[in-house]
Amino acid sequence: MSIARYSFGSALLPTAHKVLLSGGCTAYSDGVGCTALTNTADLYDPSVGKAGAFLKSGPMATARYSFAMTALADDRVLVAGGFTNVDGTVITKAAELYDPQAGDPPNGIFGAFQATGALGTARSHASATLL
């Protein structure tokens, strides 16, 4: 990964056979917890080399952690909700869609996020399931 993170989201892109990792906390302090957030994303491609490779993706619009993330049948990924501040007191309704066909591959950016409809209620620690 391009950055160490925890409480991040991950989703297997079903037809591309790649894994998207995004968001999360990037720093931790005992007694405090999360002290820094990221909006960065990486796309793991197991077909590159012997051990695979992490490719840079475009960032999410909102840095967040403990959010819902699920892959759709067409390899887009829905990201919704989560905490948007380090002390876990601000929960967002914002949602984004990752599109693996977007981005700028010649410049090393594989996929991009764009805003989509918001949740009716802000949520954290939620899950999302493809129907």
N, C-alpha and C. Protein backbone atom coordinates (compact mmCIF):
# COMPACT_ATOMS: atom_id res chain seq x y z
N MET A 1 0.84 -1.18 0.00
CA MET A 1 0.00 0.00 0.00
C MET A 1 0.87 1.24 0.00
N SER A 2 0.32 2.32 -0.50
CA SER A 2 1.08 3.56 -0.56
C SER A 2 1.23 4.21 0.81
N ILE A 3 0.34 3.84 1.74
CA ILE A 3 0.37 4.43 3.08
C ILE A 3 -0.18 3.40 4.07
N ALA A 4 0.40 3.35 5.26
CA ALA A 4 -0.11 2.46 6.29
C ALA A 4 -1.45 3.01 6.76
N ARG A 5 -2.43 2.12 6.98
CA ARG A 5 -3.76 2.56 7.37
C ARG A 5 -4.48 1.48 8.15
N TYR A 6 -5.47 1.88 8.94
CA TYR A 6 -6.37 0.93 9.60
C TYR A 6 -7.78 1.53 9.58
N SER A 7 -8.78 0.71 9.87
CA SER A 7 -10.19 1.11 9.77
C SER A 7 -10.52 1.64 8.38
N PHE A 8 -9.89 1.03 7.37
CA PHE A 8 -10.10 1.41 5.97
C PHE A 8 -11.12 0.47 5.33
N GLY A 9 -11.51 0.78 4.11
CA GLY A 9 -12.43 -0.08 3.38
C GLY A 9 -11.69 -0.88 2.32
N SER A 10 -12.24 -2.04 1.99
CA SER A 10 -11.68 -2.84 0.90
C SER A 10 -12.82 -3.53 0.17
N ALA A 11 -12.63 -3.73 -1.13
CA ALA A 11 -13.65 -4.40 -1.93
C ALA A 11 -12.97 -5.12 -3.10
N LEU A 12 -13.39 -6.32 -3.36
CA LEU A 12 -12.91 -7.09 -4.50
C LEU A 12 -13.71 -6.69 -5.73
N LEU A 13 -13.04 -6.23 -6.76
CA LEU A 13 -13.71 -5.90 -8.02
C LEU A 13 -13.94 -7.22 -8.76
N PRO A 14 -15.20 -7.64 -8.90
CA PRO A 14 -15.49 -9.01 -9.34
C PRO A 14 -15.00 -9.40 -10.72
N THR A 15 -15.03 -8.51 -11.69
CA THR A 15 -14.59 -8.92 -13.03
C THR A 15 -13.14 -8.53 -13.31
N ALA A 16 -12.65 -7.52 -12.63
CA ALA A 16 -11.26 -7.08 -12.84
C ALA A 16 -10.27 -7.92 -12.04
N HIS A 17 -10.76 -8.64 -11.01
CA HIS A 17 -9.91 -9.46 -10.14
C HIS A 17 -8.83 -8.62 -9.48
N LYS A 18 -9.24 -7.46 -8.98
CA LYS A 18 -8.36 -6.55 -8.25
C LYS A 18 -9.07 -6.17 -6.97
N VAL A 19 -8.32 -5.62 -6.01
CA VAL A 19 -8.89 -5.21 -4.73
C VAL A 19 -8.64 -3.72 -4.53
N LEU A 20 -9.71 -2.99 -4.22
CA LEU A 20 -9.61 -1.56 -3.93
C LEU A 20 -9.53 -1.38 -2.42
N LEU A 21 -8.57 -0.58 -1.96
CA LEU A 21 -8.40 -0.24 -0.54
C LEU A 21 -8.47 1.28 -0.46
N SER A 22 -9.29 1.81 0.45
CA SER A 22 -9.40 3.27 0.51
C SER A 22 -9.68 3.77 1.92
N GLY A 23 -9.31 5.05 2.11
CA GLY A 23 -9.60 5.75 3.35
C GLY A 23 -8.90 5.14 4.56
N GLY A 24 -9.43 5.47 5.73
CA GLY A 24 -8.92 4.94 6.98
C GLY A 24 -8.13 5.93 7.79
N CYS A 25 -7.66 5.45 8.92
CA CYS A 25 -6.80 6.23 9.82
C CYS A 25 -5.34 5.91 9.49
N THR A 26 -4.51 6.91 9.56
CA THR A 26 -3.10 6.72 9.22
C THR A 26 -2.15 6.92 10.40
N ALA A 27 -2.70 7.31 11.53
CA ALA A 27 -1.87 7.49 12.73
C ALA A 27 -2.70 7.14 13.95
N TYR A 28 -2.03 6.64 14.97
CA TYR A 28 -2.70 6.19 16.19
C TYR A 28 -1.90 6.66 17.39
N SER A 29 -2.60 7.04 18.44
CA SER A 29 -1.95 7.42 19.68
C SER A 29 -2.65 6.69 20.82
N ASP A 30 -1.87 6.07 21.71
CA ASP A 30 -2.46 5.39 22.86
C ASP A 30 -3.31 6.36 23.66
N GLY A 31 -4.48 5.90 24.05
CA GLY A 31 -5.38 6.72 24.83
C GLY A 31 -6.19 7.71 24.02
N VAL A 32 -5.83 7.89 22.74
CA VAL A 32 -6.53 8.84 21.88
C VAL A 32 -7.22 8.09 20.74
N GLY A 33 -6.52 7.17 20.13
CA GLY A 33 -7.03 6.45 18.96
C GLY A 33 -6.53 7.09 17.68
N CYS A 34 -7.42 7.20 16.71
CA CYS A 34 -7.09 7.76 15.40
C CYS A 34 -6.68 9.22 15.54
N THR A 35 -5.52 9.58 14.96
CA THR A 35 -5.08 10.97 15.02
C THR A 35 -4.87 11.59 13.64
N ALA A 36 -5.07 10.80 12.57
CA ALA A 36 -4.96 11.35 11.21
C ALA A 36 -5.77 10.46 10.26
N LEU A 37 -6.47 11.10 9.31
CA LEU A 37 -7.29 10.40 8.32
C LEU A 37 -6.67 10.53 6.93
N THR A 38 -7.09 9.65 6.02
CA THR A 38 -6.67 9.78 4.63
C THR A 38 -7.85 9.59 3.70
N ASN A 39 -7.75 10.20 2.54
CA ASN A 39 -8.72 9.99 1.48
C ASN A 39 -8.09 9.22 0.32
N THR A 40 -6.87 8.73 0.52
CA THR A 40 -6.15 8.03 -0.55
C THR A 40 -6.74 6.65 -0.81
N ALA A 41 -6.43 6.13 -1.99
CA ALA A 41 -6.89 4.80 -2.37
C ALA A 41 -5.81 4.09 -3.18
N ASP A 42 -5.75 2.78 -3.01
CA ASP A 42 -4.82 1.93 -3.76
C ASP A 42 -5.61 0.80 -4.40
N LEU A 43 -5.14 0.36 -5.55
CA LEU A 43 -5.75 -0.76 -6.25
C LEU A 43 -4.71 -1.87 -6.29
N TYR A 44 -5.00 -2.99 -5.62
CA TYR A 44 -4.06 -4.11 -5.62
C TYR A 44 -4.34 -4.99 -6.84
N ASP A 45 -3.31 -5.22 -7.63
CA ASP A 45 -3.41 -6.06 -8.83
C ASP A 45 -2.51 -7.27 -8.64
N PRO A 46 -3.09 -8.45 -8.37
CA PRO A 46 -2.27 -9.64 -8.13
C PRO A 46 -1.58 -10.17 -9.37
N SER A 47 -1.93 -9.68 -10.54
CA SER A 47 -1.33 -10.19 -11.78
C SER A 47 0.00 -9.53 -12.12
N VAL A 48 0.41 -8.53 -11.35
CA VAL A 48 1.66 -7.82 -11.62
C VAL A 48 2.80 -8.49 -10.84
N GLY A 49 3.78 -8.99 -11.55
CA GLY A 49 4.95 -9.61 -10.91
C GLY A 49 4.59 -10.87 -10.14
N LYS A 50 5.51 -11.30 -9.28
CA LYS A 50 5.31 -12.52 -8.50
C LYS A 50 4.34 -12.32 -7.34
N ALA A 51 4.38 -11.15 -6.72
CA ALA A 51 3.57 -10.90 -5.52
C ALA A 51 2.47 -9.88 -5.74
N GLY A 52 2.26 -9.43 -6.97
CA GLY A 52 1.26 -8.41 -7.22
C GLY A 52 1.84 -7.02 -6.96
N ALA A 53 1.01 -6.01 -7.18
CA ALA A 53 1.47 -4.64 -6.98
C ALA A 53 0.31 -3.75 -6.56
N PHE A 54 0.62 -2.73 -5.78
CA PHE A 54 -0.35 -1.72 -5.41
C PHE A 54 -0.22 -0.57 -6.40
N LEU A 55 -1.33 -0.23 -7.06
CA LEU A 55 -1.37 0.86 -8.02
C LEU A 55 -2.10 2.03 -7.39
N LYS A 56 -1.65 3.23 -7.68
CA LYS A 56 -2.28 4.43 -7.12
C LYS A 56 -3.62 4.67 -7.81
N SER A 57 -4.61 5.03 -7.01
CA SER A 57 -5.92 5.41 -7.53
C SER A 57 -6.17 6.86 -7.18
N GLY A 58 -7.16 7.45 -7.84
CA GLY A 58 -7.55 8.80 -7.47
C GLY A 58 -8.10 8.80 -6.05
N PRO A 59 -8.01 9.92 -5.33
CA PRO A 59 -8.48 9.99 -3.94
C PRO A 59 -10.00 10.12 -3.84
N MET A 60 -10.53 9.73 -2.69
CA MET A 60 -11.93 10.02 -2.39
C MET A 60 -12.06 11.52 -2.13
N ALA A 61 -13.25 12.06 -2.32
CA ALA A 61 -13.48 13.48 -2.04
C ALA A 61 -13.43 13.73 -0.53
N THR A 62 -13.85 12.73 0.25
CA THR A 62 -13.93 12.87 1.70
C THR A 62 -13.03 11.86 2.40
N ALA A 63 -12.10 12.34 3.22
CA ALA A 63 -11.32 11.43 4.07
C ALA A 63 -12.28 10.86 5.10
N ARG A 64 -12.22 9.55 5.32
CA ARG A 64 -13.17 8.91 6.24
C ARG A 64 -12.62 7.59 6.73
N TYR A 65 -13.21 7.10 7.82
CA TYR A 65 -12.89 5.75 8.32
C TYR A 65 -14.15 5.13 8.89
N SER A 66 -14.12 3.81 9.05
CA SER A 66 -15.26 3.04 9.56
C SER A 66 -16.52 3.29 8.72
N PHE A 67 -16.37 3.16 7.42
CA PHE A 67 -17.46 3.40 6.47
C PHE A 67 -17.87 2.10 5.79
N ALA A 68 -18.99 2.15 5.07
CA ALA A 68 -19.46 1.00 4.30
C ALA A 68 -18.85 1.06 2.90
N MET A 69 -18.48 -0.09 2.37
CA MET A 69 -17.88 -0.16 1.04
C MET A 69 -18.25 -1.48 0.42
N THR A 70 -18.78 -1.44 -0.80
CA THR A 70 -19.13 -2.68 -1.48
C THR A 70 -18.95 -2.54 -2.98
N ALA A 71 -18.48 -3.61 -3.60
CA ALA A 71 -18.30 -3.63 -5.06
C ALA A 71 -19.63 -3.93 -5.73
N LEU A 72 -19.87 -3.27 -6.83
CA LEU A 72 -21.05 -3.51 -7.64
C LEU A 72 -20.67 -4.50 -8.76
N ALA A 73 -21.66 -5.06 -9.42
CA ALA A 73 -21.41 -6.09 -10.43
C ALA A 73 -20.55 -5.61 -11.59
N ASP A 74 -20.55 -4.30 -11.86
CA ASP A 74 -19.78 -3.75 -12.99
C ASP A 74 -18.40 -3.24 -12.57
N ASP A 75 -17.93 -3.63 -11.40
CA ASP A 75 -16.62 -3.26 -10.84
C ASP A 75 -16.56 -1.84 -10.26
N ARG A 76 -17.64 -1.07 -10.34
CA ARG A 76 -17.65 0.19 -9.59
C ARG A 76 -17.81 -0.18 -8.12
N VAL A 77 -17.43 0.73 -7.24
CA VAL A 77 -17.49 0.48 -5.81
C VAL A 77 -18.21 1.63 -5.12
N LEU A 78 -19.18 1.29 -4.28
CA LEU A 78 -19.91 2.28 -3.50
C LEU A 78 -19.24 2.44 -2.14
N VAL A 79 -18.97 3.69 -1.77
CA VAL A 79 -18.43 4.05 -0.46
C VAL A 79 -19.45 4.98 0.18
N ALA A 80 -19.85 4.70 1.43
CA ALA A 80 -20.89 5.51 2.04
C ALA A 80 -20.67 5.65 3.54
N GLY A 81 -20.97 6.85 4.05
CA GLY A 81 -20.92 7.10 5.48
C GLY A 81 -19.52 7.11 6.05
N GLY A 82 -19.44 6.90 7.36
CA GLY A 82 -18.17 6.85 8.07
C GLY A 82 -17.90 8.11 8.87
N PHE A 83 -16.86 8.03 9.69
CA PHE A 83 -16.40 9.18 10.47
C PHE A 83 -15.51 10.05 9.60
N THR A 84 -15.66 11.37 9.72
CA THR A 84 -14.84 12.29 8.93
C THR A 84 -13.95 13.19 9.78
N ASN A 85 -13.83 12.86 11.06
CA ASN A 85 -12.88 13.57 11.92
C ASN A 85 -12.20 12.54 12.82
N VAL A 86 -11.06 12.90 13.36
CA VAL A 86 -10.26 11.92 14.09
C VAL A 86 -10.86 11.46 15.41
N ASP A 87 -11.67 12.29 16.05
CA ASP A 87 -12.20 11.85 17.34
C ASP A 87 -13.52 11.10 17.22
N GLY A 88 -13.97 10.84 15.99
CA GLY A 88 -15.16 10.02 15.79
C GLY A 88 -16.46 10.66 16.21
N THR A 89 -16.54 11.99 16.16
CA THR A 89 -17.77 12.66 16.55
C THR A 89 -18.57 13.18 15.35
N VAL A 90 -17.97 13.17 14.17
CA VAL A 90 -18.66 13.65 12.97
C VAL A 90 -18.84 12.48 12.02
N ILE A 91 -20.11 12.15 11.75
CA ILE A 91 -20.44 11.04 10.85
C ILE A 91 -21.08 11.66 9.61
N THR A 92 -20.70 11.17 8.44
CA THR A 92 -21.19 11.76 7.19
C THR A 92 -22.30 10.93 6.53
N LYS A 93 -23.13 11.62 5.76
CA LYS A 93 -24.12 10.98 4.90
C LYS A 93 -23.57 10.83 3.48
N ALA A 94 -22.42 11.44 3.22
CA ALA A 94 -21.86 11.48 1.87
C ALA A 94 -21.55 10.08 1.34
N ALA A 95 -21.77 9.92 0.04
CA ALA A 95 -21.45 8.66 -0.64
C ALA A 95 -20.69 8.97 -1.92
N GLU A 96 -19.84 8.04 -2.32
CA GLU A 96 -19.03 8.19 -3.53
C GLU A 96 -19.03 6.88 -4.29
N LEU A 97 -18.82 6.97 -5.60
CA LEU A 97 -18.65 5.79 -6.44
C LEU A 97 -17.25 5.79 -7.03
N TYR A 98 -16.57 4.66 -6.89
CA TYR A 98 -15.26 4.48 -7.51
C TYR A 98 -15.51 3.86 -8.88
N ASP A 99 -14.89 4.41 -9.90
CA ASP A 99 -15.00 3.89 -11.26
C ASP A 99 -13.61 3.46 -11.73
N PRO A 100 -13.38 2.15 -11.91
CA PRO A 100 -12.06 1.69 -12.31
C PRO A 100 -11.69 2.08 -13.75
N GLN A 101 -12.68 2.49 -14.54
CA GLN A 101 -12.42 2.92 -15.92
C GLN A 101 -12.01 4.38 -16.00
N ALA A 102 -12.16 5.12 -14.92
CA ALA A 102 -11.79 6.54 -14.89
C ALA A 102 -10.33 6.66 -14.45
N GLY A 103 -9.93 7.85 -14.11
CA GLY A 103 -8.55 8.06 -13.69
C GLY A 103 -7.69 8.50 -14.85
N ASP A 104 -6.40 8.32 -14.69
CA ASP A 104 -5.42 8.74 -15.70
C ASP A 104 -4.28 7.72 -15.76
N PRO A 105 -4.56 6.51 -16.30
CA PRO A 105 -3.55 5.44 -16.31
C PRO A 105 -2.18 5.83 -16.90
N PRO A 106 -2.12 6.63 -17.98
CA PRO A 106 -0.78 7.00 -18.48
C PRO A 106 0.07 7.73 -17.44
N ASN A 107 -0.60 8.39 -16.48
CA ASN A 107 0.11 9.10 -15.42
C ASN A 107 0.07 8.35 -14.09
N GLY A 108 -0.27 7.07 -14.14
CA GLY A 108 -0.20 6.23 -12.95
C GLY A 108 -1.39 6.34 -11.99
N ILE A 109 -2.53 6.84 -12.45
CA ILE A 109 -3.73 6.94 -11.61
C ILE A 109 -4.77 5.97 -12.16
N PHE A 110 -5.04 4.91 -11.41
CA PHE A 110 -5.93 3.85 -11.87
C PHE A 110 -7.27 3.93 -11.15
N GLY A 111 -8.27 4.52 -11.81
CA GLY A 111 -9.60 4.68 -11.23
C GLY A 111 -9.77 6.02 -10.56
N ALA A 112 -11.04 6.41 -10.38
CA ALA A 112 -11.35 7.69 -9.74
C ALA A 112 -12.69 7.60 -9.02
N PHE A 113 -12.85 8.44 -8.02
CA PHE A 113 -14.09 8.54 -7.25
C PHE A 113 -14.89 9.74 -7.73
N GLN A 114 -16.22 9.63 -7.63
CA GLN A 114 -17.09 10.78 -7.89
C GLN A 114 -18.25 10.72 -6.91
N ALA A 115 -18.78 11.88 -6.56
CA ALA A 115 -19.89 11.95 -5.61
C ALA A 115 -21.13 11.28 -6.21
N THR A 116 -21.94 10.71 -5.35
CA THR A 116 -23.23 10.15 -5.74
C THR A 116 -24.24 10.51 -4.66
N GLY A 117 -25.46 10.04 -4.76
CA GLY A 117 -26.49 10.39 -3.79
C GLY A 117 -26.06 10.12 -2.35
N ALA A 118 -26.57 10.91 -1.44
CA ALA A 118 -26.22 10.77 -0.02
C ALA A 118 -27.14 9.79 0.68
N LEU A 119 -26.68 9.25 1.79
CA LEU A 119 -27.51 8.41 2.65
C LEU A 119 -28.61 9.27 3.28
N GLY A 120 -29.72 8.67 3.64
CA GLY A 120 -30.78 9.41 4.32
C GLY A 120 -30.38 9.79 5.74
N THR A 121 -29.56 8.95 6.36
CA THR A 121 -29.07 9.16 7.72
C THR A 121 -27.57 8.90 7.75
N ALA A 122 -26.83 9.77 8.40
CA ALA A 122 -25.39 9.55 8.55
C ALA A 122 -25.14 8.27 9.32
N ARG A 123 -24.15 7.48 8.88
CA ARG A 123 -23.87 6.18 9.50
C ARG A 123 -22.37 5.94 9.58
N SER A 124 -21.99 5.17 10.60
CA SER A 124 -20.61 4.66 10.69
C SER A 124 -20.69 3.19 11.09
N HIS A 125 -19.62 2.48 10.91
CA HIS A 125 -19.57 1.05 11.21
C HIS A 125 -20.70 0.28 10.54
N ALA A 126 -21.15 0.75 9.40
CA ALA A 126 -22.24 0.10 8.68
C ALA A 126 -21.67 -0.90 7.67
N SER A 127 -22.53 -1.68 7.08
CA SER A 127 -22.12 -2.57 6.01
C SER A 127 -23.05 -2.37 4.84
N ALA A 128 -22.60 -2.74 3.67
CA ALA A 128 -23.40 -2.63 2.45
C ALA A 128 -23.30 -3.97 1.73
N THR A 129 -24.41 -4.45 1.20
CA THR A 129 -24.43 -5.74 0.53
C THR A 129 -25.02 -5.59 -0.86
N LEU A 130 -24.36 -6.17 -1.84
CA LEU A 130 -24.85 -6.15 -3.20
C LEU A 130 -26.02 -7.11 -3.31
N LEU A 131 -27.13 -6.63 -3.84
CA LEU A 131 -28.32 -7.46 -4.01
C LEU A 131 -28.33 -8.10 -5.38
